[in-house]
Amino acid sequence: MDPITIIAGLASVVPTIAKWLTGEKSDVSRVAETAAELAKRVTGASDPAAAIAALKADRQQALEFEKLWAGVNMGLSEQLTRRHEADMKSDSWLAKNVRPLCLVGLTLGVVVAVFAPEVAGDKLRALTEMGGWVYGYYFIGRSAFDKGAVRLNFGANAGRAS
């Protein structure tokens, strides 16, 4: 299933679920509602379910949705970068060390799960896959972005020679 279908399909359901799991004003809820509103705006549909059907049926509308979603995604990425920068400038020990603590906790969880006979194989696979994502985020994201090896320029001067 392509990402457009997944995003649009979940957008109609996720706001309701996300509110129960993470609260009214959570990032998950806000992103899901944004995706649903964007899909409705592109298709002209009045509800998310109709927007999903329209996006599935019309490739042009799906491409327009993708293009608009790329802009939303860029804004979300900038917010995440600002959040990381604020964490590093904070005097809070927890804010500065939450990523390493997640890494240590997940590593311990995988090690324990490998040797615990009662852990089902599908749960171990899910845990190790999650571990791969966390390790990738921590080491690639930290080394590339936090230490300045990669600089993203989304501003007015993007694309110009320095």
N, C-alpha and C. Protein backbone atom coordinates (compact mmCIF):
# COMPACT_ATOMS: atom_id res chain seq x y z
N MET A 1 0.85 -1.17 0.00
CA MET A 1 0.00 0.00 0.00
C MET A 1 0.90 1.24 0.00
N ASP A 2 0.57 2.21 -0.82
CA ASP A 2 1.41 3.41 -0.94
C ASP A 2 1.20 4.34 0.26
N PRO A 3 2.20 5.21 0.53
CA PRO A 3 2.13 6.09 1.70
C PRO A 3 0.92 7.02 1.70
N ILE A 4 0.50 7.49 0.53
CA ILE A 4 -0.66 8.39 0.46
C ILE A 4 -1.89 7.71 1.03
N THR A 5 -2.12 6.47 0.62
CA THR A 5 -3.29 5.73 1.09
C THR A 5 -3.23 5.52 2.59
N ILE A 6 -2.04 5.17 3.08
CA ILE A 6 -1.89 4.93 4.51
C ILE A 6 -2.15 6.21 5.30
N ILE A 7 -1.50 7.31 4.88
CA ILE A 7 -1.67 8.58 5.60
C ILE A 7 -3.12 9.02 5.57
N ALA A 8 -3.72 8.99 4.39
CA ALA A 8 -5.10 9.45 4.26
C ALA A 8 -6.05 8.54 5.03
N GLY A 9 -5.81 7.23 4.97
CA GLY A 9 -6.67 6.29 5.68
C GLY A 9 -6.59 6.45 7.18
N LEU A 10 -5.39 6.61 7.69
CA LEU A 10 -5.22 6.78 9.12
C LEU A 10 -5.69 8.14 9.60
N ALA A 11 -5.57 9.14 8.75
CA ALA A 11 -5.94 10.50 9.15
C ALA A 11 -7.40 10.58 9.58
N SER A 12 -8.24 9.74 8.98
CA SER A 12 -9.66 9.79 9.34
C SER A 12 -9.93 9.13 10.69
N VAL A 13 -9.07 8.24 11.12
CA VAL A 13 -9.28 7.50 12.35
C VAL A 13 -8.39 8.00 13.48
N VAL A 14 -7.16 8.33 13.15
CA VAL A 14 -6.16 8.66 14.16
C VAL A 14 -6.54 9.82 15.07
N PRO A 15 -7.16 10.91 14.59
CA PRO A 15 -7.46 11.99 15.53
C PRO A 15 -8.26 11.53 16.74
N THR A 16 -9.22 10.66 16.52
CA THR A 16 -10.04 10.17 17.62
C THR A 16 -9.22 9.30 18.56
N ILE A 17 -8.45 8.37 18.00
CA ILE A 17 -7.63 7.48 18.81
C ILE A 17 -6.54 8.27 19.52
N ALA A 18 -5.89 9.17 18.80
CA ALA A 18 -4.78 9.94 19.37
C ALA A 18 -5.22 10.77 20.56
N LYS A 19 -6.43 11.30 20.52
CA LYS A 19 -6.91 12.10 21.65
C LYS A 19 -7.02 11.25 22.91
N TRP A 20 -7.40 9.98 22.75
CA TRP A 20 -7.51 9.11 23.92
C TRP A 20 -6.14 8.71 24.43
N LEU A 21 -5.21 8.49 23.53
CA LEU A 21 -3.88 8.01 23.93
C LEU A 21 -2.95 9.12 24.39
N THR A 22 -3.04 10.29 23.75
CA THR A 22 -2.02 11.31 23.99
C THR A 22 -2.59 12.66 24.39
N GLY A 23 -3.88 12.80 24.48
CA GLY A 23 -4.47 14.07 24.89
C GLY A 23 -4.91 14.90 23.70
N GLU A 24 -5.76 15.86 23.98
CA GLU A 24 -6.35 16.71 22.94
C GLU A 24 -5.33 17.45 22.09
N LYS A 25 -4.31 18.01 22.70
CA LYS A 25 -3.39 18.91 22.00
C LYS A 25 -2.06 18.24 21.65
N SER A 26 -2.03 16.92 21.53
CA SER A 26 -0.77 16.24 21.26
C SER A 26 -0.31 16.46 19.82
N ASP A 27 0.97 16.22 19.59
CA ASP A 27 1.52 16.33 18.24
C ASP A 27 0.89 15.31 17.30
N VAL A 28 0.66 14.09 17.80
CA VAL A 28 0.06 13.04 16.97
C VAL A 28 -1.31 13.47 16.49
N SER A 29 -2.12 13.96 17.41
CA SER A 29 -3.46 14.40 17.07
C SER A 29 -3.42 15.56 16.08
N ARG A 30 -2.53 16.52 16.33
CA ARG A 30 -2.43 17.70 15.46
C ARG A 30 -1.99 17.31 14.05
N VAL A 31 -1.01 16.42 13.94
CA VAL A 31 -0.52 16.00 12.63
C VAL A 31 -1.59 15.22 11.87
N ALA A 32 -2.29 14.33 12.57
CA ALA A 32 -3.35 13.56 11.92
C ALA A 32 -4.48 14.47 11.44
N GLU A 33 -4.85 15.44 12.25
CA GLU A 33 -5.90 16.37 11.84
C GLU A 33 -5.44 17.23 10.66
N THR A 34 -4.18 17.61 10.66
CA THR A 34 -3.63 18.39 9.54
C THR A 34 -3.68 17.58 8.26
N ALA A 35 -3.30 16.29 8.34
CA ALA A 35 -3.34 15.42 7.16
C ALA A 35 -4.77 15.26 6.65
N ALA A 36 -5.72 15.09 7.57
CA ALA A 36 -7.11 14.94 7.16
C ALA A 36 -7.63 16.21 6.50
N GLU A 37 -7.33 17.37 7.08
CA GLU A 37 -7.78 18.65 6.51
C GLU A 37 -7.13 18.90 5.15
N LEU A 38 -5.87 18.55 5.02
CA LEU A 38 -5.17 18.73 3.75
C LEU A 38 -5.79 17.85 2.67
N ALA A 39 -6.09 16.60 3.02
CA ALA A 39 -6.71 15.69 2.06
C ALA A 39 -8.09 16.20 1.64
N LYS A 40 -8.86 16.73 2.59
CA LYS A 40 -10.18 17.27 2.25
C LYS A 40 -10.05 18.51 1.37
N ARG A 41 -9.06 19.34 1.64
CA ARG A 41 -8.87 20.56 0.84
C ARG A 41 -8.47 20.21 -0.60
N VAL A 42 -7.58 19.22 -0.76
CA VAL A 42 -7.13 18.84 -2.10
C VAL A 42 -8.26 18.24 -2.91
N THR A 43 -9.07 17.40 -2.26
CA THR A 43 -10.12 16.69 -3.00
C THR A 43 -11.44 17.44 -3.04
N GLY A 44 -11.63 18.39 -2.15
CA GLY A 44 -12.91 19.08 -2.07
C GLY A 44 -13.96 18.27 -1.33
N ALA A 45 -13.55 17.17 -0.72
CA ALA A 45 -14.48 16.30 0.01
C ALA A 45 -14.86 16.95 1.34
N SER A 46 -16.01 16.54 1.86
CA SER A 46 -16.49 17.12 3.11
C SER A 46 -16.03 16.32 4.33
N ASP A 47 -15.64 15.07 4.13
CA ASP A 47 -15.17 14.27 5.26
C ASP A 47 -13.93 13.46 4.84
N PRO A 48 -13.11 13.03 5.80
CA PRO A 48 -11.87 12.32 5.48
C PRO A 48 -12.08 11.03 4.69
N ALA A 49 -13.14 10.29 4.95
CA ALA A 49 -13.38 9.04 4.22
C ALA A 49 -13.57 9.30 2.73
N ALA A 50 -14.33 10.33 2.40
CA ALA A 50 -14.53 10.69 0.99
C ALA A 50 -13.22 11.18 0.38
N ALA A 51 -12.43 11.89 1.16
CA ALA A 51 -11.13 12.37 0.67
C ALA A 51 -10.21 11.20 0.36
N ILE A 52 -10.23 10.17 1.20
CA ILE A 52 -9.40 8.98 0.96
C ILE A 52 -9.80 8.33 -0.35
N ALA A 53 -11.10 8.16 -0.54
CA ALA A 53 -11.59 7.53 -1.78
C ALA A 53 -11.18 8.35 -3.00
N ALA A 54 -11.26 9.67 -2.89
CA ALA A 54 -10.88 10.53 -4.02
C ALA A 54 -9.39 10.45 -4.30
N LEU A 55 -8.57 10.42 -3.24
CA LEU A 55 -7.12 10.31 -3.44
C LEU A 55 -6.74 8.98 -4.06
N LYS A 56 -7.44 7.92 -3.68
CA LYS A 56 -7.18 6.60 -4.26
C LYS A 56 -7.56 6.57 -5.74
N ALA A 57 -8.63 7.27 -6.08
CA ALA A 57 -9.16 7.22 -7.45
C ALA A 57 -8.43 8.15 -8.41
N ASP A 58 -7.92 9.26 -7.94
CA ASP A 58 -7.33 10.27 -8.82
C ASP A 58 -5.86 10.49 -8.47
N ARG A 59 -5.00 10.02 -9.36
CA ARG A 59 -3.55 10.12 -9.13
C ARG A 59 -3.09 11.58 -9.09
N GLN A 60 -3.72 12.46 -9.85
CA GLN A 60 -3.34 13.88 -9.84
C GLN A 60 -3.59 14.49 -8.47
N GLN A 61 -4.74 14.17 -7.89
CA GLN A 61 -5.03 14.68 -6.55
C GLN A 61 -4.07 14.09 -5.52
N ALA A 62 -3.72 12.82 -5.70
CA ALA A 62 -2.76 12.19 -4.80
C ALA A 62 -1.40 12.88 -4.89
N LEU A 63 -0.98 13.22 -6.10
CA LEU A 63 0.29 13.93 -6.27
C LEU A 63 0.23 15.33 -5.65
N GLU A 64 -0.90 16.01 -5.80
CA GLU A 64 -1.07 17.32 -5.19
C GLU A 64 -1.00 17.22 -3.66
N PHE A 65 -1.65 16.17 -3.13
CA PHE A 65 -1.59 15.94 -1.68
C PHE A 65 -0.15 15.72 -1.23
N GLU A 66 0.59 14.89 -1.98
CA GLU A 66 2.00 14.64 -1.65
C GLU A 66 2.80 15.93 -1.64
N LYS A 67 2.57 16.77 -2.65
CA LYS A 67 3.32 18.03 -2.75
C LYS A 67 3.01 18.94 -1.56
N LEU A 68 1.75 19.07 -1.21
CA LEU A 68 1.37 19.90 -0.07
C LEU A 68 1.86 19.30 1.25
N TRP A 69 1.81 17.98 1.34
CA TRP A 69 2.27 17.32 2.56
C TRP A 69 3.78 17.52 2.75
N ALA A 70 4.54 17.60 1.66
CA ALA A 70 5.98 17.83 1.77
C ALA A 70 6.25 19.15 2.50
N GLY A 71 5.45 20.17 2.22
CA GLY A 71 5.60 21.45 2.92
C GLY A 71 5.28 21.33 4.40
N VAL A 72 4.22 20.59 4.72
CA VAL A 72 3.86 20.36 6.12
C VAL A 72 4.98 19.59 6.82
N ASN A 73 5.50 18.58 6.13
CA ASN A 73 6.58 17.76 6.69
C ASN A 73 7.81 18.61 6.97
N MET A 74 8.12 19.54 6.09
CA MET A 74 9.27 20.42 6.30
C MET A 74 9.07 21.24 7.57
N GLY A 75 7.88 21.76 7.75
CA GLY A 75 7.60 22.54 8.96
C GLY A 75 7.72 21.70 10.22
N LEU A 76 7.24 20.46 10.15
CA LEU A 76 7.34 19.56 11.31
C LEU A 76 8.80 19.24 11.61
N SER A 77 9.60 19.05 10.57
CA SER A 77 11.03 18.78 10.76
C SER A 77 11.74 19.96 11.40
N GLU A 78 11.37 21.16 10.99
CA GLU A 78 11.97 22.36 11.59
C GLU A 78 11.60 22.47 13.07
N GLN A 79 10.35 22.12 13.41
CA GLN A 79 9.93 22.14 14.81
C GLN A 79 10.74 21.14 15.63
N LEU A 80 10.97 19.95 15.06
CA LEU A 80 11.74 18.93 15.76
C LEU A 80 13.17 19.39 15.98
N THR A 81 13.75 20.03 14.98
CA THR A 81 15.11 20.55 15.12
C THR A 81 15.17 21.60 16.22
N ARG A 82 14.20 22.50 16.25
CA ARG A 82 14.17 23.52 17.30
C ARG A 82 14.02 22.89 18.69
N ARG A 83 13.22 21.83 18.76
CA ARG A 83 13.03 21.14 20.03
C ARG A 83 14.34 20.51 20.51
N HIS A 84 15.08 19.90 19.57
CA HIS A 84 16.37 19.30 19.94
C HIS A 84 17.35 20.38 20.40
N GLU A 85 17.37 21.49 19.69
CA GLU A 85 18.26 22.59 20.08
C GLU A 85 17.90 23.12 21.47
N ALA A 86 16.62 23.25 21.75
CA ALA A 86 16.19 23.72 23.07
C ALA A 86 16.58 22.72 24.15
N ASP A 87 16.45 21.43 23.86
CA ASP A 87 16.86 20.41 24.83
C ASP A 87 18.34 20.53 25.17
N MET A 88 19.15 20.74 24.15
CA MET A 88 20.60 20.82 24.38
C MET A 88 20.98 22.10 25.13
N LYS A 89 20.22 23.16 24.98
CA LYS A 89 20.51 24.42 25.69
C LYS A 89 19.94 24.42 27.11
N SER A 90 19.08 23.49 27.39
CA SER A 90 18.40 23.43 28.68
C SER A 90 19.38 23.05 29.80
N ASP A 91 19.06 23.49 31.00
CA ASP A 91 19.86 23.10 32.17
C ASP A 91 19.37 21.78 32.76
N SER A 92 18.32 21.23 32.21
CA SER A 92 17.74 20.00 32.74
C SER A 92 18.57 18.78 32.31
N TRP A 93 18.97 17.99 33.29
CA TRP A 93 19.74 16.79 33.01
C TRP A 93 18.91 15.82 32.16
N LEU A 94 17.63 15.68 32.49
CA LEU A 94 16.77 14.75 31.76
C LEU A 94 16.60 15.18 30.30
N ALA A 95 16.38 16.46 30.06
CA ALA A 95 16.19 16.94 28.69
C ALA A 95 17.42 16.67 27.84
N LYS A 96 18.60 16.80 28.41
CA LYS A 96 19.83 16.57 27.66
C LYS A 96 20.11 15.09 27.44
N ASN A 97 19.57 14.24 28.28
CA ASN A 97 19.94 12.83 28.24
C ASN A 97 18.81 11.89 27.89
N VAL A 98 17.68 12.40 27.42
CA VAL A 98 16.55 11.53 27.14
C VAL A 98 16.86 10.56 25.99
N ARG A 99 17.54 11.02 24.95
CA ARG A 99 17.86 10.12 23.84
C ARG A 99 18.83 9.01 24.26
N PRO A 100 19.93 9.34 24.97
CA PRO A 100 20.80 8.25 25.42
C PRO A 100 20.09 7.28 26.37
N LEU A 101 19.20 7.80 27.23
CA LEU A 101 18.47 6.93 28.14
C LEU A 101 17.54 5.98 27.38
N CYS A 102 16.90 6.48 26.33
CA CYS A 102 16.06 5.61 25.49
C CYS A 102 16.90 4.52 24.84
N LEU A 103 18.07 4.90 24.38
CA LEU A 103 18.99 3.95 23.75
C LEU A 103 19.40 2.86 24.73
N VAL A 104 19.78 3.24 25.93
CA VAL A 104 20.20 2.28 26.95
C VAL A 104 19.02 1.39 27.34
N GLY A 105 17.85 1.98 27.57
CA GLY A 105 16.68 1.20 27.94
C GLY A 105 16.28 0.19 26.88
N LEU A 106 16.28 0.62 25.63
CA LEU A 106 15.92 -0.29 24.55
C LEU A 106 16.95 -1.40 24.39
N THR A 107 18.23 -1.06 24.52
CA THR A 107 19.29 -2.07 24.43
C THR A 107 19.12 -3.12 25.52
N LEU A 108 18.87 -2.67 26.74
CA LEU A 108 18.64 -3.61 27.84
C LEU A 108 17.41 -4.48 27.57
N GLY A 109 16.36 -3.87 27.05
CA GLY A 109 15.15 -4.62 26.72
C GLY A 109 15.41 -5.71 25.69
N VAL A 110 16.19 -5.40 24.67
CA VAL A 110 16.51 -6.40 23.63
C VAL A 110 17.35 -7.52 24.23
N VAL A 111 18.37 -7.17 25.02
CA VAL A 111 19.24 -8.18 25.62
C VAL A 111 18.43 -9.11 26.52
N VAL A 112 17.57 -8.56 27.35
CA VAL A 112 16.74 -9.39 28.23
C VAL A 112 15.79 -10.25 27.41
N ALA A 113 15.18 -9.68 26.38
CA ALA A 113 14.22 -10.42 25.56
C ALA A 113 14.87 -11.57 24.81
N VAL A 114 16.12 -11.40 24.41
CA VAL A 114 16.82 -12.47 23.68
C VAL A 114 16.97 -13.70 24.57
N PHE A 115 17.26 -13.48 25.85
CA PHE A 115 17.52 -14.60 26.74
C PHE A 115 16.30 -15.07 27.52
N ALA A 116 15.21 -14.36 27.45
CA ALA A 116 13.99 -14.76 28.16
C ALA A 116 13.19 -15.72 27.28
N PRO A 117 12.97 -16.94 27.74
CA PRO A 117 12.30 -17.93 26.89
C PRO A 117 10.82 -17.63 26.63
N GLU A 118 10.18 -16.85 27.47
CA GLU A 118 8.74 -16.61 27.31
C GLU A 118 8.40 -15.48 26.35
N VAL A 119 9.40 -14.81 25.76
CA VAL A 119 9.14 -13.73 24.82
C VAL A 119 8.88 -14.33 23.43
N ALA A 120 7.73 -14.02 22.87
CA ALA A 120 7.35 -14.55 21.55
C ALA A 120 8.25 -13.98 20.47
N GLY A 121 8.45 -14.75 19.41
CA GLY A 121 9.32 -14.34 18.31
C GLY A 121 8.88 -13.06 17.64
N ASP A 122 7.57 -12.87 17.45
CA ASP A 122 7.10 -11.65 16.80
C ASP A 122 7.36 -10.42 17.66
N LYS A 123 7.26 -10.58 18.97
CA LYS A 123 7.55 -9.46 19.87
C LYS A 123 9.04 -9.12 19.86
N LEU A 124 9.88 -10.14 19.81
CA LEU A 124 11.32 -9.92 19.75
C LEU A 124 11.70 -9.23 18.44
N ARG A 125 11.09 -9.65 17.33
CA ARG A 125 11.36 -9.00 16.04
C ARG A 125 10.94 -7.53 16.08
N ALA A 126 9.77 -7.26 16.65
CA ALA A 126 9.30 -5.87 16.75
C ALA A 126 10.25 -5.04 17.62
N LEU A 127 10.70 -5.61 18.71
CA LEU A 127 11.61 -4.91 19.61
C LEU A 127 12.95 -4.63 18.94
N THR A 128 13.49 -5.62 18.22
CA THR A 128 14.77 -5.41 17.54
C THR A 128 14.63 -4.43 16.38
N GLU A 129 13.49 -4.45 15.69
CA GLU A 129 13.29 -3.47 14.62
C GLU A 129 13.20 -2.06 15.20
N MET A 130 12.47 -1.92 16.30
CA MET A 130 12.40 -0.63 16.96
C MET A 130 13.80 -0.19 17.40
N GLY A 131 14.58 -1.14 17.89
CA GLY A 131 15.95 -0.84 18.28
C GLY A 131 16.77 -0.32 17.12
N GLY A 132 16.59 -0.91 15.95
CA GLY A 132 17.29 -0.44 14.76
C GLY A 132 16.94 1.00 14.42
N TRP A 133 15.66 1.33 14.53
CA TRP A 133 15.23 2.71 14.25
C TRP A 133 15.79 3.68 15.28
N VAL A 134 15.77 3.29 16.54
CA VAL A 134 16.29 4.18 17.59
C VAL A 134 17.79 4.37 17.43
N TYR A 135 18.52 3.28 17.18
CA TYR A 135 19.96 3.40 16.96
C TYR A 135 20.25 4.29 15.75
N GLY A 136 19.52 4.08 14.67
CA GLY A 136 19.72 4.92 13.48
C GLY A 136 19.44 6.38 13.76
N TYR A 137 18.34 6.64 14.44
CA TYR A 137 17.99 8.03 14.77
C TYR A 137 19.05 8.64 15.67
N TYR A 138 19.46 7.88 16.68
CA TYR A 138 20.41 8.43 17.64
C TYR A 138 21.78 8.68 17.00
N PHE A 139 22.34 7.67 16.34
CA PHE A 139 23.70 7.82 15.83
C PHE A 139 23.77 8.63 14.55
N ILE A 140 22.87 8.38 13.61
CA ILE A 140 22.91 9.15 12.36
C ILE A 140 22.42 10.57 12.61
N GLY A 141 21.29 10.70 13.27
CA GLY A 141 20.76 12.04 13.55
C GLY A 141 21.67 12.86 14.42
N ARG A 142 22.21 12.25 15.45
CA ARG A 142 23.07 12.99 16.38
C ARG A 142 24.37 13.39 15.71
N SER A 143 25.00 12.45 15.01
CA SER A 143 26.30 12.79 14.41
C SER A 143 26.14 13.75 13.25
N ALA A 144 25.08 13.60 12.48
CA ALA A 144 24.93 14.45 11.29
C ALA A 144 24.39 15.84 11.62
N PHE A 145 23.37 15.90 12.44
CA PHE A 145 22.70 17.18 12.66
C PHE A 145 23.19 17.91 13.92
N ASP A 146 23.26 17.21 15.05
CA ASP A 146 23.62 17.88 16.29
C ASP A 146 25.05 18.41 16.29
N LYS A 147 25.95 17.71 15.65
CA LYS A 147 27.35 18.12 15.67
C LYS A 147 27.71 18.99 14.48
N GLY A 148 26.74 19.34 13.66
CA GLY A 148 26.96 20.31 12.60
C GLY A 148 27.51 19.76 11.30
N ALA A 149 27.58 18.43 11.14
CA ALA A 149 28.09 17.87 9.90
C ALA A 149 27.14 18.14 8.74
N VAL A 150 25.85 18.22 9.03
CA VAL A 150 24.85 18.50 8.01
C VAL A 150 24.07 19.73 8.45
N ARG A 151 23.89 20.65 7.54
CA ARG A 151 23.10 21.85 7.83
C ARG A 151 22.00 21.95 6.78
N LEU A 152 20.77 21.95 7.24
CA LEU A 152 19.64 22.10 6.33
C LEU A 152 19.29 23.57 6.24
N ASN A 153 19.13 24.07 5.02
CA ASN A 153 18.80 25.47 4.83
C ASN A 153 17.48 25.54 4.07
N PHE A 154 16.41 25.80 4.80
CA PHE A 154 15.09 25.89 4.18
C PHE A 154 14.66 27.33 3.95
N GLY A 155 15.52 28.28 4.27
CA GLY A 155 15.15 29.69 4.21
C GLY A 155 15.23 30.26 2.82
N ALA A 156 15.18 31.59 2.75
CA ALA A 156 15.16 32.31 1.48
C ALA A 156 16.46 32.14 0.70
N ASN A 157 17.56 31.87 1.38
CA ASN A 157 18.84 31.73 0.70
C ASN A 157 19.14 30.30 0.27
N ALA A 158 18.19 29.39 0.43
CA ALA A 158 18.41 28.00 0.06
C ALA A 158 18.73 27.91 -1.42
N GLY A 159 19.75 27.16 -1.75
CA GLY A 159 20.10 26.94 -3.15
C GLY A 159 21.11 27.94 -3.68
N ARG A 160 21.39 29.01 -2.95
CA ARG A 160 22.37 29.99 -3.39
C ARG A 160 23.76 29.59 -2.91
N ALA A 161 24.75 29.94 -3.70
CA ALA A 161 26.13 29.66 -3.31
C ALA A 161 26.52 30.58 -2.17
N SER A 162 27.30 30.05 -1.22
CA SER A 162 27.72 30.87 -0.08
C SER A 162 28.96 31.64 -0.39
